[in-house]
Amino acid sequence: MVLSHPRLIRPNEDPHRPVPVSTYRVPDDAEPSDPRMSLIASKLQGYLDAVGATKEESQFEHLYQTLDLARSGPLY
């Protein structure tokens, strides 16, 4: 016997739960292999330290993403 349509089964009534998703982060002490990127990362880190910025502050989010990219981090 050949079955042309599978039988649909209603999903159970368990509550929905979040699915764990892997996240990747560049370590703060990572060094880029390119000397030019190393200098860019150093200057960005110096500025962020000078103004007392933290990664949790939304106005500095793009600068921290740029710093991670300069350190050979993942593309966003």
PDB file of N, CA and C in Angstrom:
ATOM      1  N   MET A   1       0.836  -1.165   0.000  1.00  0.00           N
ATOM      2  CA  MET A   1       0.000   0.000   0.000  1.00  0.00           C
ATOM      3  C   MET A   1       0.890   1.242   0.000  1.00  0.00           C
ATOM      4  N   VAL A   2       0.612   2.182  -0.874  1.00  0.00           N
ATOM      5  CA  VAL A   2       1.360   3.429  -0.967  1.00  0.00           C
ATOM      6  C   VAL A   2       0.509   4.543  -0.385  1.00  0.00           C
ATOM      7  N   LEU A   3       1.127   5.302   0.491  1.00  0.00           N
ATOM      8  CA  LEU A   3       0.413   6.391   1.161  1.00  0.00           C
ATOM      9  C   LEU A   3       0.794   7.707   0.495  1.00  0.00           C
ATOM     10  N   SER A   4      -0.183   8.410  -0.060  1.00  0.00           N
ATOM     11  CA  SER A   4       0.132   9.636  -0.785  1.00  0.00           C
ATOM     12  C   SER A   4       0.151  10.863   0.117  1.00  0.00           C
ATOM     13  N   HIS A   5      -0.530  10.828   1.243  1.00  0.00           N
ATOM     14  CA  HIS A   5      -0.570  11.972   2.152  1.00  0.00           C
ATOM     15  C   HIS A   5      -0.318  11.466   3.570  1.00  0.00           C
ATOM     16  N   PRO A   6       0.668  12.058   4.237  1.00  0.00           N
ATOM     17  CA  PRO A   6       0.901  11.618   5.618  1.00  0.00           C
ATOM     18  C   PRO A   6      -0.236  12.087   6.529  1.00  0.00           C
ATOM     19  N   ARG A   7      -0.422  11.373   7.591  1.00  0.00           N
ATOM     20  CA  ARG A   7      -1.445  11.738   8.557  1.00  0.00           C
ATOM     21  C   ARG A   7      -0.933  12.901   9.404  1.00  0.00           C
ATOM     22  N   LEU A   8      -1.695  13.957   9.513  1.00  0.00           N
ATOM     23  CA  LEU A   8      -1.301  15.107  10.317  1.00  0.00           C
ATOM     24  C   LEU A   8      -1.698  14.873  11.761  1.00  0.00           C
ATOM     25  N   ILE A   9      -0.763  15.138  12.636  1.00  0.00           N
ATOM     26  CA  ILE A   9      -1.008  14.946  14.064  1.00  0.00           C
ATOM     27  C   ILE A   9      -0.907  16.301  14.744  1.00  0.00           C
ATOM     28  N   ARG A  10      -1.876  16.593  15.548  1.00  0.00           N
ATOM     29  CA  ARG A  10      -1.907  17.864  16.266  1.00  0.00           C
ATOM     30  C   ARG A  10      -0.765  17.902  17.282  1.00  0.00           C
ATOM     31  N   PRO A  11      -0.049  19.028  17.370  1.00  0.00           N
ATOM     32  CA  PRO A  11       1.037  19.121  18.347  1.00  0.00           C
ATOM     33  C   PRO A  11       0.497  19.063  19.771  1.00  0.00           C
ATOM     34  N   ASN A  12       1.343  18.623  20.667  1.00  0.00           N
ATOM     35  CA  ASN A  12       0.897  18.540  22.059  1.00  0.00           C
ATOM     36  C   ASN A  12       0.675  19.943  22.616  1.00  0.00           C
ATOM     37  N   GLU A  13       0.058  20.034  23.724  1.00  0.00           N
ATOM     38  CA  GLU A  13      -0.345  21.315  24.306  1.00  0.00           C
ATOM     39  C   GLU A  13       0.692  21.865  25.289  1.00  0.00           C
ATOM     40  N   ASP A  14       1.918  21.415  25.215  1.00  0.00           N
ATOM     41  CA  ASP A  14       2.958  21.950  26.098  1.00  0.00           C
ATOM     42  C   ASP A  14       3.166  23.426  25.791  1.00  0.00           C
ATOM     43  N   PRO A  15       3.487  24.211  26.806  1.00  0.00           N
ATOM     44  CA  PRO A  15       3.728  25.638  26.536  1.00  0.00           C
ATOM     45  C   PRO A  15       4.977  25.817  25.668  1.00  0.00           C
ATOM     46  N   HIS A  16       4.977  26.881  24.880  1.00  0.00           N
ATOM     47  CA  HIS A  16       6.136  27.168  24.053  1.00  0.00           C
ATOM     48  C   HIS A  16       7.293  27.575  24.948  1.00  0.00           C
ATOM     49  N   ARG A  17       8.467  27.207  24.556  1.00  0.00           N
ATOM     50  CA  ARG A  17       9.646  27.565  25.333  1.00  0.00           C
ATOM     51  C   ARG A  17      10.727  28.076  24.392  1.00  0.00           C
ATOM     52  N   PRO A  18      11.592  28.928  24.886  1.00  0.00           N
ATOM     53  CA  PRO A  18      12.654  29.455  24.017  1.00  0.00           C
ATOM     54  C   PRO A  18      13.627  28.357  23.613  1.00  0.00           C
ATOM     55  N   VAL A  19      14.106  28.461  22.428  1.00  0.00           N
ATOM     56  CA  VAL A  19      15.084  27.507  21.920  1.00  0.00           C
ATOM     57  C   VAL A  19      16.473  28.119  22.102  1.00  0.00           C
ATOM     58  N   PRO A  20      17.412  27.389  22.699  1.00  0.00           N
ATOM     59  CA  PRO A  20      18.746  27.960  22.883  1.00  0.00           C
ATOM     60  C   PRO A  20      19.431  28.210  21.536  1.00  0.00           C
ATOM     61  N   VAL A  21      20.049  29.370  21.411  1.00  0.00           N
ATOM     62  CA  VAL A  21      20.734  29.755  20.184  1.00  0.00           C
ATOM     63  C   VAL A  21      22.176  30.079  20.542  1.00  0.00           C
ATOM     64  N   SER A  22      23.093  29.540  19.785  1.00  0.00           N
ATOM     65  CA  SER A  22      24.497  29.806  20.046  1.00  0.00           C
ATOM     66  C   SER A  22      24.812  31.261  19.761  1.00  0.00           C
ATOM     67  N   THR A  23      25.596  31.855  20.625  1.00  0.00           N
ATOM     68  CA  THR A  23      26.053  33.222  20.402  1.00  0.00           C
ATOM     69  C   THR A  23      27.576  33.204  20.405  1.00  0.00           C
ATOM     70  N   TYR A  24      28.137  34.091  19.633  1.00  0.00           N
ATOM     71  CA  TYR A  24      29.583  34.168  19.523  1.00  0.00           C
ATOM     72  C   TYR A  24      30.034  35.545  19.958  1.00  0.00           C
ATOM     73  N   ARG A  25      31.123  35.584  20.672  1.00  0.00           N
ATOM     74  CA  ARG A  25      31.643  36.841  21.182  1.00  0.00           C
ATOM     75  C   ARG A  25      33.149  36.832  21.006  1.00  0.00           C
ATOM     76  N   VAL A  26      33.678  37.975  20.638  1.00  0.00           N
ATOM     77  CA  VAL A  26      35.120  38.111  20.503  1.00  0.00           C
ATOM     78  C   VAL A  26      35.674  38.488  21.867  1.00  0.00           C
ATOM     79  N   PRO A  27      36.683  37.776  22.364  1.00  0.00           N
ATOM     80  CA  PRO A  27      37.255  38.127  23.666  1.00  0.00           C
ATOM     81  C   PRO A  27      37.799  39.552  23.658  1.00  0.00           C
ATOM     82  N   ASP A  28      37.721  40.234  24.799  1.00  0.00           N
ATOM     83  CA  ASP A  28      38.181  41.615  24.889  1.00  0.00           C
ATOM     84  C   ASP A  28      39.676  41.749  24.607  1.00  0.00           C
ATOM     85  N   ASP A  29      40.426  40.693  24.851  1.00  0.00           N
ATOM     86  CA  ASP A  29      41.877  40.776  24.642  1.00  0.00           C
ATOM     87  C   ASP A  29      42.314  40.179  23.299  1.00  0.00           C
ATOM     88  N   ALA A  30      41.365  39.930  22.399  1.00  0.00           N
ATOM     89  CA  ALA A  30      41.710  39.370  21.085  1.00  0.00           C
ATOM     90  C   ALA A  30      42.520  40.396  20.301  1.00  0.00           C
ATOM     91  N   GLU A  31      43.488  39.920  19.566  1.00  0.00           N
ATOM     92  CA  GLU A  31      44.339  40.790  18.762  1.00  0.00           C
ATOM     93  C   GLU A  31      44.153  40.474  17.285  1.00  0.00           C
ATOM     94  N   PRO A  32      43.932  41.487  16.449  1.00  0.00           N
ATOM     95  CA  PRO A  32      43.816  41.243  15.023  1.00  0.00           C
ATOM     96  C   PRO A  32      45.162  40.858  14.422  1.00  0.00           C
ATOM     97  N   SER A  33      45.134  40.104  13.350  1.00  0.00           N
ATOM     98  CA  SER A  33      46.384  39.694  12.700  1.00  0.00           C
ATOM     99  C   SER A  33      46.947  40.816  11.829  1.00  0.00           C
ATOM    100  N   ASP A  34      46.111  41.733  11.392  1.00  0.00           N
ATOM    101  CA  ASP A  34      46.524  42.852  10.558  1.00  0.00           C
ATOM    102  C   ASP A  34      46.952  44.023  11.450  1.00  0.00           C
ATOM    103  N   PRO A  35      48.178  44.543  11.285  1.00  0.00           N
ATOM    104  CA  PRO A  35      48.635  45.642  12.135  1.00  0.00           C
ATOM    105  C   PRO A  35      47.750  46.895  12.031  1.00  0.00           C
ATOM    106  N   ARG A  36      47.207  47.136  10.847  1.00  0.00           N
ATOM    107  CA  ARG A  36      46.330  48.302  10.669  1.00  0.00           C
ATOM    108  C   ARG A  36      45.061  48.141  11.509  1.00  0.00           C
ATOM    109  N   MET A  37      44.467  46.946  11.480  1.00  0.00           N
ATOM    110  CA  MET A  37      43.279  46.681  12.282  1.00  0.00           C
ATOM    111  C   MET A  37      43.617  46.712  13.771  1.00  0.00           C
ATOM    112  N   SER A  38      44.816  46.286  14.117  1.00  0.00           N
ATOM    113  CA  SER A  38      45.253  46.325  15.506  1.00  0.00           C
ATOM    114  C   SER A  38      45.284  47.760  16.013  1.00  0.00           C
ATOM    115  N   LEU A  39      45.785  48.674  15.187  1.00  0.00           N
ATOM    116  CA  LEU A  39      45.829  50.082  15.575  1.00  0.00           C
ATOM    117  C   LEU A  39      44.415  50.652  15.696  1.00  0.00           C
ATOM    118  N   ILE A  40      43.533  50.300  14.751  1.00  0.00           N
ATOM    119  CA  ILE A  40      42.143  50.763  14.812  1.00  0.00           C
ATOM    120  C   ILE A  40      41.475  50.262  16.091  1.00  0.00           C
ATOM    121  N   ALA A  41      41.663  48.980  16.405  1.00  0.00           N
ATOM    122  CA  ALA A  41      41.073  48.400  17.613  1.00  0.00           C
ATOM    123  C   ALA A  41      41.615  49.095  18.857  1.00  0.00           C
ATOM    124  N   SER A  42      42.906  49.383  18.867  1.00  0.00           N
ATOM    125  CA  SER A  42      43.527  50.045  20.008  1.00  0.00           C
ATOM    126  C   SER A  42      42.961  51.453  20.208  1.00  0.00           C
ATOM    127  N   LYS A  43      42.814  52.204  19.117  1.00  0.00           N
ATOM    128  CA  LYS A  43      42.269  53.568  19.206  1.00  0.00           C
ATOM    129  C   LYS A  43      40.802  53.557  19.654  1.00  0.00           C
ATOM    130  N   LEU A  44      40.015  52.621  19.107  1.00  0.00           N
ATOM    131  CA  LEU A  44      38.609  52.516  19.519  1.00  0.00           C
ATOM    132  C   LEU A  44      38.501  52.169  20.999  1.00  0.00           C
ATOM    133  N   GLN A  45      39.307  51.204  21.444  1.00  0.00           N
ATOM    134  CA  GLN A  45      39.266  50.800  22.849  1.00  0.00           C
ATOM    135  C   GLN A  45      39.695  51.952  23.744  1.00  0.00           C
ATOM    136  N   GLY A  46      40.711  52.712  23.325  1.00  0.00           N
ATOM    137  CA  GLY A  46      41.150  53.864  24.106  1.00  0.00           C
ATOM    138  C   GLY A  46      40.055  54.908  24.256  1.00  0.00           C
ATOM    139  N   TYR A  47      39.348  55.182  23.177  1.00  0.00           N
ATOM    140  CA  TYR A  47      38.253  56.154  23.236  1.00  0.00           C
ATOM    141  C   TYR A  47      37.142  55.658  24.157  1.00  0.00           C
ATOM    142  N   LEU A  48      36.738  54.390  23.983  1.00  0.00           N
ATOM    143  CA  LEU A  48      35.656  53.844  24.802  1.00  0.00           C
ATOM    144  C   LEU A  48      36.034  53.850  26.284  1.00  0.00           C
ATOM    145  N   ASP A  49      37.289  53.555  26.580  1.00  0.00           N
ATOM    146  CA  ASP A  49      37.759  53.606  27.976  1.00  0.00           C
ATOM    147  C   ASP A  49      37.757  55.045  28.499  1.00  0.00           C
ATOM    148  N   ALA A  50      38.175  55.997  27.655  1.00  0.00           N
ATOM    149  CA  ALA A  50      38.266  57.397  28.072  1.00  0.00           C
ATOM    150  C   ALA A  50      36.898  57.989  28.423  1.00  0.00           C
ATOM    151  N   VAL A  51      35.854  57.598  27.682  1.00  0.00           N
ATOM    152  CA  VAL A  51      34.520  58.135  27.961  1.00  0.00           C
ATOM    153  C   VAL A  51      33.738  57.270  28.942  1.00  0.00           C
ATOM    154  N   GLY A  52      34.343  56.179  29.395  1.00  0.00           N
ATOM    155  CA  GLY A  52      33.680  55.315  30.372  1.00  0.00           C
ATOM    156  C   GLY A  52      32.520  54.533  29.798  1.00  0.00           C
ATOM    157  N   ALA A  53      32.599  54.198  28.518  1.00  0.00           N
ATOM    158  CA  ALA A  53      31.503  53.489  27.852  1.00  0.00           C
ATOM    159  C   ALA A  53      31.468  52.023  28.272  1.00  0.00           C
ATOM    160  N   THR A  54      30.268  51.459  28.288  1.00  0.00           N
ATOM    161  CA  THR A  54      30.096  50.021  28.526  1.00  0.00           C
ATOM    162  C   THR A  54      29.284  49.436  27.380  1.00  0.00           C
ATOM    163  N   LYS A  55      29.386  48.134  27.201  1.00  0.00           N
ATOM    164  CA  LYS A  55      28.666  47.467  26.110  1.00  0.00           C
ATOM    165  C   LYS A  55      27.154  47.530  26.296  1.00  0.00           C
ATOM    166  N   GLU A  56      26.707  47.744  27.519  1.00  0.00           N
ATOM    167  CA  GLU A  56      25.277  47.779  27.797  1.00  0.00           C
ATOM    168  C   GLU A  56      24.630  49.093  27.368  1.00  0.00           C
ATOM    169  N   GLU A  57      25.422  50.135  27.131  1.00  0.00           N
ATOM    170  CA  GLU A  57      24.875  51.434  26.744  1.00  0.00           C
ATOM    171  C   GLU A  57      24.598  51.447  25.241  1.00  0.00           C
ATOM    172  N   SER A  58      23.346  51.705  24.882  1.00  0.00           N
ATOM    173  CA  SER A  58      22.939  51.599  23.481  1.00  0.00           C
ATOM    174  C   SER A  58      23.655  52.594  22.570  1.00  0.00           C
ATOM    175  N   GLN A  59      24.034  53.769  23.077  1.00  0.00           N
ATOM    176  CA  GLN A  59      24.679  54.752  22.206  1.00  0.00           C
ATOM    177  C   GLN A  59      26.083  54.328  21.778  1.00  0.00           C
ATOM    178  N   PHE A  60      26.667  53.345  22.442  1.00  0.00           N
ATOM    179  CA  PHE A  60      28.004  52.878  22.083  1.00  0.00           C
ATOM    180  C   PHE A  60      27.986  51.518  21.381  1.00  0.00           C
ATOM    181  N   GLU A  61      26.790  50.997  21.105  1.00  0.00           N
ATOM    182  CA  GLU A  61      26.650  49.665  20.507  1.00  0.00           C
ATOM    183  C   GLU A  61      27.426  49.536  19.196  1.00  0.00           C
ATOM    184  N   HIS A  62      27.300  50.511  18.312  1.00  0.00           N
ATOM    185  CA  HIS A  62      27.970  50.433  17.014  1.00  0.00           C
ATOM    186  C   HIS A  62      29.488  50.504  17.158  1.00  0.00           C
ATOM    187  N   LEU A  63      29.963  51.275  18.115  1.00  0.00           N
ATOM    188  CA  LEU A  63      31.414  51.341  18.324  1.00  0.00           C
ATOM    189  C   LEU A  63      31.955  50.003  18.827  1.00  0.00           C
ATOM    190  N   TYR A  64      31.217  49.348  19.724  1.00  0.00           N
ATOM    191  CA  TYR A  64      31.664  48.038  20.197  1.00  0.00           C
ATOM    192  C   TYR A  64      31.596  46.991  19.085  1.00  0.00           C
ATOM    193  N   GLN A  65      30.590  47.073  18.213  1.00  0.00           N
ATOM    194  CA  GLN A  65      30.520  46.155  17.076  1.00  0.00           C
ATOM    195  C   GLN A  65      31.703  46.391  16.141  1.00  0.00           C
ATOM    196  N   THR A  66      32.049  47.651  15.918  1.00  0.00           N
ATOM    197  CA  THR A  66      33.195  47.979  15.073  1.00  0.00           C
ATOM    198  C   THR A  66      34.481  47.480  15.706  1.00  0.00           C
ATOM    199  N   LEU A  67      34.594  47.614  17.011  1.00  0.00           N
ATOM    200  CA  LEU A  67      35.775  47.112  17.720  1.00  0.00           C
ATOM    201  C   LEU A  67      35.887  45.599  17.564  1.00  0.00           C
ATOM    202  N   ASP A  68      34.784  44.883  17.700  1.00  0.00           N
ATOM    203  CA  ASP A  68      34.805  43.427  17.508  1.00  0.00           C
ATOM    204  C   ASP A  68      35.217  43.068  16.083  1.00  0.00           C
ATOM    205  N   LEU A  69      34.712  43.823  15.097  1.00  0.00           N
ATOM    206  CA  LEU A  69      35.094  43.569  13.701  1.00  0.00           C
ATOM    207  C   LEU A  69      36.581  43.812  13.492  1.00  0.00           C
ATOM    208  N   ALA A  70      37.112  44.868  14.077  1.00  0.00           N
ATOM    209  CA  ALA A  70      38.531  45.167  13.944  1.00  0.00           C
ATOM    210  C   ALA A  70      39.378  44.069  14.571  1.00  0.00           C
ATOM    211  N   ARG A  71      38.824  43.375  15.557  1.00  0.00           N
ATOM    212  CA  ARG A  71      39.535  42.272  16.213  1.00  0.00           C
ATOM    213  C   ARG A  71      39.260  40.930  15.524  1.00  0.00           C
ATOM    214  N   SER A  72      38.801  40.989  14.300  1.00  0.00           N
ATOM    215  CA  SER A  72      38.478  39.792  13.503  1.00  0.00           C
ATOM    216  C   SER A  72      37.292  39.039  14.039  1.00  0.00           C
ATOM    217  N   GLY A  73      36.323  39.746  14.564  1.00  0.00           N
ATOM    218  CA  GLY A  73      35.113  39.129  15.080  1.00  0.00           C
ATOM    219  C   GLY A  73      34.133  38.814  13.972  1.00  0.00           C
ATOM    220  N   PRO A  74      32.958  38.270  14.337  1.00  0.00           N
ATOM    221  CA  PRO A  74      31.962  37.889  13.336  1.00  0.00           C
ATOM    222  C   PRO A  74      31.322  39.107  12.699  1.00  0.00           C
ATOM    223  N   LEU A  75      30.908  38.959  11.450  1.00  0.00           N
ATOM    224  CA  LEU A  75      30.148  40.022  10.795  1.00  0.00           C
ATOM    225  C   LEU A  75      28.743  39.996  11.347  1.00  0.00           C
ATOM    226  N   TYR A  76      28.170  41.140  11.601  1.00  0.00           N
ATOM    227  CA  TYR A  76      26.837  41.208  12.194  1.00  0.00           C
ATOM    228  C   TYR A  76      25.786  41.161  11.135  1.00  0.00           C
TER     229      TYR A  76
END
